[in-house]
PDB file of N, CA and C in Angstrom:
ATOM      1  N   MET A   1      84.340 127.941 116.661  1.00  0.00           N
ATOM      2  CA  MET A   1      84.108 126.594 117.154  1.00  0.00           C
ATOM      3  C   MET A   1      85.457 125.953 117.476  1.00  0.00           C
ATOM      4  N   GLU A   2      85.458 125.132 118.472  1.00  0.00           N
ATOM      5  CA  GLU A   2      86.709 124.523 118.928  1.00  0.00           C
ATOM      6  C   GLU A   2      86.829 123.073 118.467  1.00  0.00           C
ATOM      7  N   CYS A   3      87.999 122.722 117.932  1.00  0.00           N
ATOM      8  CA  CYS A   3      88.295 121.335 117.567  1.00  0.00           C
ATOM      9  C   CYS A   3      88.391 120.519 118.853  1.00  0.00           C
ATOM     10  N   LYS A   4      87.719 119.386 118.892  1.00  0.00           N
ATOM     11  CA  LYS A   4      87.689 118.554 120.095  1.00  0.00           C
ATOM     12  C   LYS A   4      88.993 117.802 120.333  1.00  0.00           C
ATOM     13  N   LEU A   5      89.921 117.846 119.364  1.00  0.00           N
ATOM     14  CA  LEU A   5      91.218 117.191 119.573  1.00  0.00           C
ATOM     15  C   LEU A   5      92.319 118.202 119.873  1.00  0.00           C
ATOM     16  N   CYS A   6      92.516 119.172 118.990  1.00  0.00           N
ATOM     17  CA  CYS A   6      93.627 120.107 119.201  1.00  0.00           C
ATOM     18  C   CYS A   6      93.224 121.348 119.993  1.00  0.00           C
ATOM     19  N   GLN A   7      91.946 121.551 120.211  1.00  0.00           N
ATOM     20  CA  GLN A   7      91.396 122.685 120.948  1.00  0.00           C
ATOM     21  C   GLN A   7      91.659 124.045 120.299  1.00  0.00           C
ATOM     22  N   ARG A   8      92.001 124.039 119.011  1.00  0.00           N
ATOM     23  CA  ARG A   8      92.150 125.320 118.319  1.00  0.00           C
ATOM     24  C   ARG A   8      90.778 125.844 117.934  1.00  0.00           C
ATOM     25  N   GLU A   9      90.622 127.156 117.977  1.00  0.00           N
ATOM     26  CA  GLU A   9      89.391 127.794 117.517  1.00  0.00           C
ATOM     27  C   GLU A   9      89.447 127.844 115.997  1.00  0.00           C
ATOM     28  N   MET A  10      88.440 127.249 115.361  1.00  0.00           N
ATOM     29  CA  MET A  10      88.421 127.146 113.908  1.00  0.00           C
ATOM     30  C   MET A  10      87.112 127.697 113.363  1.00  0.00           C
ATOM     31  N   GLU A  11      87.175 128.209 112.151  1.00  0.00           N
ATOM     32  CA  GLU A  11      85.974 128.711 111.500  1.00  0.00           C
ATOM     33  C   GLU A  11      85.067 127.556 111.075  1.00  0.00           C
ATOM     34  N   ASN A  12      85.681 126.490 110.540  1.00  0.00           N
ATOM     35  CA  ASN A  12      84.926 125.328 110.075  1.00  0.00           C
ATOM     36  C   ASN A  12      85.481 124.055 110.688  1.00  0.00           C
ATOM     37  N   LEU A  13      84.594 123.155 111.040  1.00  0.00           N
ATOM     38  CA  LEU A  13      84.992 121.853 111.561  1.00  0.00           C
ATOM     39  C   LEU A  13      84.389 120.762 110.687  1.00  0.00           C
ATOM     40  N   THR A  14      84.978 119.574 110.749  1.00  0.00           N
ATOM     41  CA  THR A  14      84.440 118.424 110.028  1.00  0.00           C
ATOM     42  C   THR A  14      83.892 117.430 111.040  1.00  0.00           C
ATOM     43  N   ILE A  15      83.035 116.554 110.570  1.00  0.00           N
ATOM     44  CA  ILE A  15      82.465 115.521 111.438  1.00  0.00           C
ATOM     45  C   ILE A  15      83.271 114.246 111.251  1.00  0.00           C
ATOM     46  N   HIS A  16      83.848 113.764 112.337  1.00  0.00           N
ATOM     47  CA  HIS A  16      84.607 112.506 112.311  1.00  0.00           C
ATOM     48  C   HIS A  16      83.759 111.426 112.967  1.00  0.00           C
ATOM     49  N   HIS A  17      83.506 110.351 112.232  1.00  0.00           N
ATOM     50  CA  HIS A  17      82.796 109.205 112.797  1.00  0.00           C
ATOM     51  C   HIS A  17      83.798 108.398 113.624  1.00  0.00           C
ATOM     52  N   LEU A  18      83.544 108.272 114.909  1.00  0.00           N
ATOM     53  CA  LEU A  18      84.482 107.575 115.792  1.00  0.00           C
ATOM     54  C   LEU A  18      84.596 106.098 115.444  1.00  0.00           C
ATOM     55  N   ILE A  19      83.537 105.528 114.923  1.00  0.00           N
ATOM     56  CA  ILE A  19      83.606 104.188 114.328  1.00  0.00           C
ATOM     57  C   ILE A  19      83.353 104.418 112.843  1.00  0.00           C
ATOM     58  N   PRO A  20      84.355 104.164 111.989  1.00  0.00           N
ATOM     59  CA  PRO A  20      84.225 104.504 110.565  1.00  0.00           C
ATOM     60  C   PRO A  20      82.966 103.923 109.917  1.00  0.00           C
ATOM     61  N   ARG A  21      82.376 104.689 109.024  1.00  0.00           N
ATOM     62  CA  ARG A  21      81.143 104.275 108.352  1.00  0.00           C
ATOM     63  C   ARG A  21      81.330 102.967 107.585  1.00  0.00           C
ATOM     64  N   GLN A  22      82.487 102.782 106.979  1.00  0.00           N
ATOM     65  CA  GLN A  22      82.778 101.548 106.244  1.00  0.00           C
ATOM     66  C   GLN A  22      82.656 100.337 107.174  1.00  0.00           C
ATOM     67  N   TYR A  23      83.174 100.474 108.390  1.00  0.00           N
ATOM     68  CA  TYR A  23      83.106  99.408 109.391  1.00  0.00           C
ATOM     69  C   TYR A  23      81.659  99.180 109.834  1.00  0.00           C
ATOM     70  N   LEU A  24      80.898 100.255 109.973  1.00  0.00           N
ATOM     71  CA  LEU A  24      79.495 100.156 110.383  1.00  0.00           C
ATOM     72  C   LEU A  24      78.675  99.359 109.374  1.00  0.00           C
ATOM     73  N   LYS A  25      78.911  99.627 108.089  1.00  0.00           N
ATOM     74  CA  LYS A  25      78.153  98.934 107.050  1.00  0.00           C
ATOM     75  C   LYS A  25      78.418  97.437 107.076  1.00  0.00           C
ATOM     76  N   ARG A  26      79.686  97.057 107.247  1.00  0.00           N
ATOM     77  CA  ARG A  26      80.030  95.627 107.283  1.00  0.00           C
ATOM     78  C   ARG A  26      79.401  94.927 108.476  1.00  0.00           C
ATOM     79  N   LYS A  27      79.349  95.608 109.602  1.00  0.00           N
ATOM     80  CA  LYS A  27      78.804  95.026 110.832  1.00  0.00           C
ATOM     81  C   LYS A  27      77.301  95.254 110.958  1.00  0.00           C
ATOM     82  N   LYS A  28      76.719  95.943 109.952  1.00  0.00           N
ATOM     83  CA  LYS A  28      75.279  96.252 109.939  1.00  0.00           C
ATOM     84  C   LYS A  28      74.836  97.012 111.195  1.00  0.00           C
ATOM     85  N   ILE A  29      75.645  97.993 111.552  1.00  0.00           N
ATOM     86  CA  ILE A  29      75.332  98.877 112.676  1.00  0.00           C
ATOM     87  C   ILE A  29      74.782 100.172 112.083  1.00  0.00           C
ATOM     88  N   ALA A  30      73.727 100.681 112.649  1.00  0.00           N
ATOM     89  CA  ALA A  30      73.037 101.839 112.077  1.00  0.00           C
ATOM     90  C   ALA A  30      73.853 103.127 112.126  1.00  0.00           C
ATOM     91  N   ASP A  31      74.422 103.452 113.266  1.00  0.00           N
ATOM     92  CA  ASP A  31      75.072 104.752 113.405  1.00  0.00           C
ATOM     93  C   ASP A  31      76.184 104.666 114.441  1.00  0.00           C
ATOM     94  N   SER A  32      77.053 105.659 114.428  1.00  0.00           N
ATOM     95  CA  SER A  32      78.121 105.718 115.419  1.00  0.00           C
ATOM     96  C   SER A  32      78.222 107.131 115.955  1.00  0.00           C
ATOM     97  N   PRO A  33      78.841 107.277 117.113  1.00  0.00           N
ATOM     98  CA  PRO A  33      79.045 108.633 117.634  1.00  0.00           C
ATOM     99  C   PRO A  33      80.005 109.405 116.733  1.00  0.00           C
ATOM    100  N   THR A  34      79.852 110.713 116.738  1.00  0.00           N
ATOM    101  CA  THR A  34      80.720 111.577 115.943  1.00  0.00           C
ATOM    102  C   THR A  34      81.331 112.646 116.841  1.00  0.00           C
ATOM    103  N   VAL A  35      82.366 113.283 116.316  1.00  0.00           N
ATOM    104  CA  VAL A  35      83.013 114.383 117.028  1.00  0.00           C
ATOM    105  C   VAL A  35      83.391 115.438 115.989  1.00  0.00           C
ATOM    106  N   ASN A  36      83.277 116.698 116.366  1.00  0.00           N
ATOM    107  CA  ASN A  36      83.629 117.800 115.470  1.00  0.00           C
ATOM    108  C   ASN A  36      85.101 118.151 115.650  1.00  0.00           C
ATOM    109  N   ILE A  37      85.848 117.999 114.554  1.00  0.00           N
ATOM    110  CA  ILE A  37      87.290 118.268 114.597  1.00  0.00           C
ATOM    111  C   ILE A  37      87.701 119.082 113.375  1.00  0.00           C
ATOM    112  N   CYS A  38      88.874 119.687 113.455  1.00  0.00           N
ATOM    113  CA  CYS A  38      89.369 120.477 112.334  1.00  0.00           C
ATOM    114  C   CYS A  38      89.856 119.560 111.214  1.00  0.00           C
ATOM    115  N   THR A  39      89.995 120.125 110.053  1.00  0.00           N
ATOM    116  CA  THR A  39      90.422 119.360 108.882  1.00  0.00           C
ATOM    117  C   THR A  39      91.808 118.761 109.086  1.00  0.00           C
ATOM    118  N   ALA A  40      92.713 119.505 109.704  1.00  0.00           N
ATOM    119  CA  ALA A  40      94.076 119.001 109.916  1.00  0.00           C
ATOM    120  C   ALA A  40      94.068 117.747 110.789  1.00  0.00           C
ATOM    121  N   CYS A  41      93.339 117.772 111.893  1.00  0.00           N
ATOM    122  CA  CYS A  41      93.254 116.601 112.768  1.00  0.00           C
ATOM    123  C   CYS A  41      92.588 115.436 112.048  1.00  0.00           C
ATOM    124  N   HIS A  42      91.547 115.728 111.293  1.00  0.00           N
ATOM    125  CA  HIS A  42      90.813 114.679 110.581  1.00  0.00           C
ATOM    126  C   HIS A  42      91.725 113.986 109.563  1.00  0.00           C
ATOM    127  N   LYS A  43      92.443 114.777 108.785  1.00  0.00           N
ATOM    128  CA  LYS A  43      93.361 114.204 107.794  1.00  0.00           C
ATOM    129  C   LYS A  43      94.468 113.398 108.465  1.00  0.00           C
ATOM    130  N   GLN A  44      94.973 113.904 109.581  1.00  0.00           N
ATOM    131  CA  GLN A  44      96.058 113.210 110.274  1.00  0.00           C
ATOM    132  C   GLN A  44      95.591 111.860 110.813  1.00  0.00           C
ATOM    133  N   ILE A  45      94.405 111.808 111.365  1.00  0.00           N
ATOM    134  CA  ILE A  45      93.853 110.547 111.876  1.00  0.00           C
ATOM    135  C   ILE A  45      93.847 109.498 110.767  1.00  0.00           C
ATOM    136  N   HIS A  46      93.315 109.876 109.604  1.00  0.00           N
ATOM    137  CA  HIS A  46      93.186 108.910 108.516  1.00  0.00           C
ATOM    138  C   HIS A  46      94.518 108.616 107.829  1.00  0.00           C
ATOM    139  N   ALA A  47      95.496 109.501 107.982  1.00  0.00           N
ATOM    140  CA  ALA A  47      96.835 109.227 107.452  1.00  0.00           C
ATOM    141  C   ALA A  47      97.578 108.230 108.348  1.00  0.00           C
ATOM    142  N   LEU A  48      97.312 108.276 109.647  1.00  0.00           N
ATOM    143  CA  LEU A  48      98.037 107.435 110.589  1.00  0.00           C
ATOM    144  C   LEU A  48      97.414 106.059 110.827  1.00  0.00           C
ATOM    145  N   PHE A  49      96.087 105.973 110.777  1.00  0.00           N
ATOM    146  CA  PHE A  49      95.417 104.758 111.235  1.00  0.00           C
ATOM    147  C   PHE A  49      94.433 104.227 110.207  1.00  0.00           C
ATOM    148  N   ASP A  50      94.356 102.897 110.112  1.00  0.00           N
ATOM    149  CA  ASP A  50      93.353 102.302 109.222  1.00  0.00           C
ATOM    150  C   ASP A  50      92.017 102.208 109.955  1.00  0.00           C
ATOM    151  N   ASN A  51      90.962 101.937 109.195  1.00  0.00           N
ATOM    152  CA  ASN A  51      89.617 101.922 109.768  1.00  0.00           C
ATOM    153  C   ASN A  51      89.439 100.851 110.840  1.00  0.00           C
ATOM    154  N   LYS A  52      90.121  99.732 110.694  1.00  0.00           N
ATOM    155  CA  LYS A  52      89.999  98.660 111.688  1.00  0.00           C
ATOM    156  C   LYS A  52      90.531  99.125 113.041  1.00  0.00           C
ATOM    157  N   LYS A  53      91.696  99.768 113.030  1.00  0.00           N
ATOM    158  CA  LYS A  53      92.271 100.264 114.283  1.00  0.00           C
ATOM    159  C   LYS A  53      91.396 101.366 114.881  1.00  0.00           C
ATOM    160  N   LEU A  54      90.874 102.223 114.025  1.00  0.00           N
ATOM    161  CA  LEU A  54      90.000 103.292 114.516  1.00  0.00           C
ATOM    162  C   LEU A  54      88.748 102.712 115.167  1.00  0.00           C
ATOM    163  N   ALA A  55      88.147 101.718 114.546  1.00  0.00           N
ATOM    164  CA  ALA A  55      86.915 101.125 115.073  1.00  0.00           C
ATOM    165  C   ALA A  55      87.147 100.367 116.369  1.00  0.00           C
ATOM    166  N   ARG A  56      88.241  99.639 116.441  1.00  0.00           N
ATOM    167  CA  ARG A  56      88.473  98.765 117.597  1.00  0.00           C
ATOM    168  C   ARG A  56      89.190  99.435 118.765  1.00  0.00           C
ATOM    169  N   GLU A  57      90.141 100.311 118.463  1.00  0.00           N
ATOM    170  CA  GLU A  57      91.006 100.833 119.521  1.00  0.00           C
ATOM    171  C   GLU A  57      90.900 102.333 119.767  1.00  0.00           C
ATOM    172  N   LEU A  58      90.607 103.095 118.734  1.00  0.00           N
ATOM    173  CA  LEU A  58      90.661 104.556 118.844  1.00  0.00           C
ATOM    174  C   LEU A  58      89.291 105.159 118.582  1.00  0.00           C
ATOM    175  N   ASN A  59      88.282 104.672 119.294  1.00  0.00           N
ATOM    176  CA  ASN A  59      86.900 105.040 119.001  1.00  0.00           C
ATOM    177  C   ASN A  59      86.294 106.062 119.970  1.00  0.00           C
ATOM    178  N   THR A  60      87.158 106.815 120.665  1.00  0.00           N
ATOM    179  CA  THR A  60      86.709 107.942 121.483  1.00  0.00           C
ATOM    180  C   THR A  60      87.719 109.079 121.308  1.00  0.00           C
ATOM    181  N   PRO A  61      87.295 110.319 121.545  1.00  0.00           N
ATOM    182  CA  PRO A  61      88.256 111.424 121.469  1.00  0.00           C
ATOM    183  C   PRO A  61      89.426 111.240 122.440  1.00  0.00           C
ATOM    184  N   ASP A  62      89.152 110.744 123.642  1.00  0.00           N
ATOM    185  CA  ASP A  62      90.227 110.555 124.624  1.00  0.00           C
ATOM    186  C   ASP A  62      91.239 109.515 124.172  1.00  0.00           C
ATOM    187  N   LYS A  63      90.763 108.431 123.583  1.00  0.00           N
ATOM    188  CA  LYS A  63      91.688 107.403 123.087  1.00  0.00           C
ATOM    189  C   LYS A  63      92.546 107.955 121.958  1.00  0.00           C
ATOM    190  N   LEU A  64      91.953 108.766 121.086  1.00  0.00           N
ATOM    191  CA  LEU A  64      92.738 109.390 120.013  1.00  0.00           C
ATOM    192  C   LEU A  64      93.797 110.323 120.594  1.00  0.00           C
ATOM    193  N   LYS A  65      93.420 111.113 121.588  1.00  0.00           N
ATOM    194  CA  LYS A  65      94.367 112.055 122.207  1.00  0.00           C
ATOM    195  C   LYS A  65      95.510 111.338 122.916  1.00  0.00           C
ATOM    196  N   GLN A  66      95.251 110.151 123.435  1.00  0.00           N
ATOM    197  CA  GLN A  66      96.268 109.417 124.191  1.00  0.00           C
ATOM    198  C   GLN A  66      97.210 108.608 123.293  1.00  0.00           C
ATOM    199  N   GLU A  67      96.863 108.403 122.041  1.00  0.00           N
ATOM    200  CA  GLU A  67      97.692 107.622 121.137  1.00  0.00           C
ATOM    201  C   GLU A  67      98.982 108.395 120.873  1.00  0.00           C
ATOM    202  N   PRO A  68     100.159 107.762 121.076  1.00  0.00           N
ATOM    203  CA  PRO A  68     101.439 108.490 120.973  1.00  0.00           C
ATOM    204  C   PRO A  68     101.670 109.228 119.655  1.00  0.00           C
ATOM    205  N   LYS A  69     101.334 108.627 118.526  1.00  0.00           N
ATOM    206  CA  LYS A  69     101.540 109.312 117.239  1.00  0.00           C
ATOM    207  C   LYS A  69     100.645 110.548 117.137  1.00  0.00           C
ATOM    208  N   MET A  70      99.448 110.425 117.647  1.00  0.00           N
ATOM    209  CA  MET A  70      98.520 111.553 117.595  1.00  0.00           C
ATOM    210  C   MET A  70      98.942 112.637 118.592  1.00  0.00           C
ATOM    211  N   GLN A  71      99.459 112.246 119.747  1.00  0.00           N
ATOM    212  CA  GLN A  71      99.933 113.222 120.735  1.00  0.00           C
ATOM    213  C   GLN A  71     101.016 114.105 120.137  1.00  0.00           C
ATOM    214  N   LYS A  72     101.931 113.494 119.403  1.00  0.00           N
ATOM    215  CA  LYS A  72     103.022 114.238 118.775  1.00  0.00           C
ATOM    216  C   LYS A  72     102.460 115.273 117.796  1.00  0.00           C
ATOM    217  N   PHE A  73     101.502 114.833 116.967  1.00  0.00           N
ATOM    218  CA  PHE A  73     100.875 115.753 116.021  1.00  0.00           C
ATOM    219  C   PHE A  73     100.119 116.865 116.744  1.00  0.00           C
ATOM    220  N   LEU A  74      99.341 116.503 117.761  1.00  0.00           N
ATOM    221  CA  LEU A  74      98.535 117.498 118.484  1.00  0.00           C
ATOM    222  C   LEU A  74      99.407 118.549 119.153  1.00  0.00           C
ATOM    223  N   SER A  75     100.529 118.132 119.725  1.00  0.00           N
ATOM    224  CA  SER A  75     101.399 119.120 120.383  1.00  0.00           C
ATOM    225  C   SER A  75     101.967 120.100 119.353  1.00  0.00           C
ATOM    226  N   TRP A  76     102.206 119.623 118.132  1.00  0.00           N
ATOM    227  CA  TRP A  76     102.702 120.509 117.075  1.00  0.00           C
ATOM    228  C   TRP A  76     101.586 121.401 116.532  1.00  0.00           C
ATOM    229  N   VAL A  77     100.427 120.806 116.199  1.00  0.00           N
ATOM    230  CA  VAL A  77      99.376 121.567 115.527  1.00  0.00           C
ATOM    231  C   VAL A  77      98.772 122.630 116.438  1.00  0.00           C
ATOM    232  N   ARG A  78      98.802 122.425 117.725  1.00  0.00           N
ATOM    233  CA  ARG A  78      98.269 123.439 118.665  1.00  0.00           C
ATOM    234  C   ARG A  78      99.023 124.759 118.557  1.00  0.00           C
ATOM    235  N   LYS A  79     100.259 124.706 118.099  1.00  0.00           N
ATOM    236  CA  LYS A  79     101.088 125.908 117.965  1.00  0.00           C
ATOM    237  C   LYS A  79     100.840 126.642 116.647  1.00  0.00           C
ATOM    238  N   GLN A  80     100.087 126.010 115.741  1.00  0.00           N
ATOM    239  CA  GLN A  80      99.842 126.597 114.420  1.00  0.00           C
ATOM    240  C   GLN A  80      98.630 127.520 114.473  1.00  0.00           C
ATOM    241  N   LYS A  81      98.700 128.582 113.706  1.00  0.00           N
ATOM    242  CA  LYS A  81      97.567 129.508 113.627  1.00  0.00           C
ATOM    243  C   LYS A  81      96.402 128.802 112.944  1.00  0.00           C
ATOM    244  N   SER A  82      95.203 129.110 113.387  1.00  0.00           N
ATOM    245  CA  SER A  82      94.027 128.430 112.844  1.00  0.00           C
ATOM    246  C   SER A  82      93.809 128.729 111.359  1.00  0.00           C
ATOM    247  N   GLN A  83      94.298 129.863 110.868  1.00  0.00           N
ATOM    248  CA  GLN A  83      94.137 130.205 109.460  1.00  0.00           C
ATOM    249  C   GLN A  83      95.147 129.484 108.568  1.00  0.00           C
ATOM    250  N   LYS A  84      96.215 128.980 109.159  1.00  0.00           N
ATOM    251  CA  LYS A  84      97.272 128.332 108.391  1.00  0.00           C
ATOM    252  C   LYS A  84      96.782 127.000 107.839  1.00  0.00           C
ATOM    253  N   ARG A  85      97.062 126.754 106.575  1.00  0.00           N
ATOM    254  CA  ARG A  85      96.716 125.478 105.956  1.00  0.00           C
ATOM    255  C   ARG A  85      97.791 124.464 106.350  1.00  0.00           C
ATOM    256  N   VAL A  86      97.383 123.408 107.021  1.00  0.00           N
ATOM    257  CA  VAL A  86      98.322 122.395 107.507  1.00  0.00           C
ATOM    258  C   VAL A  86      98.395 121.263 106.493  1.00  0.00           C
ATOM    259  N   ILE A  87      99.607 120.942 106.068  1.00  0.00           N
ATOM    260  CA  ILE A  87      99.825 119.836 105.141  1.00  0.00           C
ATOM    261  C   ILE A  87     100.053 118.572 105.962  1.00  0.00           C
ATOM    262  N   VAL A  88      99.290 117.540 105.644  1.00  0.00           N
ATOM    263  CA  VAL A  88      99.415 116.265 106.356  1.00  0.00           C
ATOM    264  C   VAL A  88     100.099 115.266 105.440  1.00  0.00           C
ATOM    265  N   ARG A  89     101.123 114.608 105.962  1.00  0.00           N
ATOM    266  CA  ARG A  89     101.854 113.605 105.184  1.00  0.00           C
ATOM    267  C   ARG A  89     101.804 112.271 105.911  1.00  0.00           C
ATOM    268  N   MET A  90     101.839 111.223 105.120  1.00  0.00           N
ATOM    269  CA  MET A  90     101.897 109.879 105.695  1.00  0.00           C
ATOM    270  C   MET A  90     103.246 109.729 106.404  1.00  0.00           C
ATOM    271  N   PRO A  91     103.269 109.118 107.585  1.00  0.00           N
ATOM    272  CA  PRO A  91     104.545 108.908 108.263  1.00  0.00           C
ATOM    273  C   PRO A  91     105.405 107.906 107.521  1.00  0.00           C
ATOM    274  N   LYS A  92     106.712 108.048 107.677  1.00  0.00           N
ATOM    275  CA  LYS A  92     107.662 107.147 106.991  1.00  0.00           C
ATOM    276  C   LYS A  92     107.919 105.910 107.809  1.00  0.00           C
TER     277      LYS A  92
END
């Protein structure tokens, strides 16, 4: 299966809610679109951005791909082997 952000072929993908569930509950919205992404991309998204920014500004795969901090990560992670465990750190 292919990660919708980094396009790496992965054995397992996670479901990323494009509008965070926490935000949905506060706004009393039933559901949001989701996208299947690898664990590394998923962890990086949540390390870089808070739920408010994700809900308001980065709520599509294309918007996530175009965000400069995410672009930098994606260009790096695409070079990593899919079996490699990627460590995600909060930016300084």
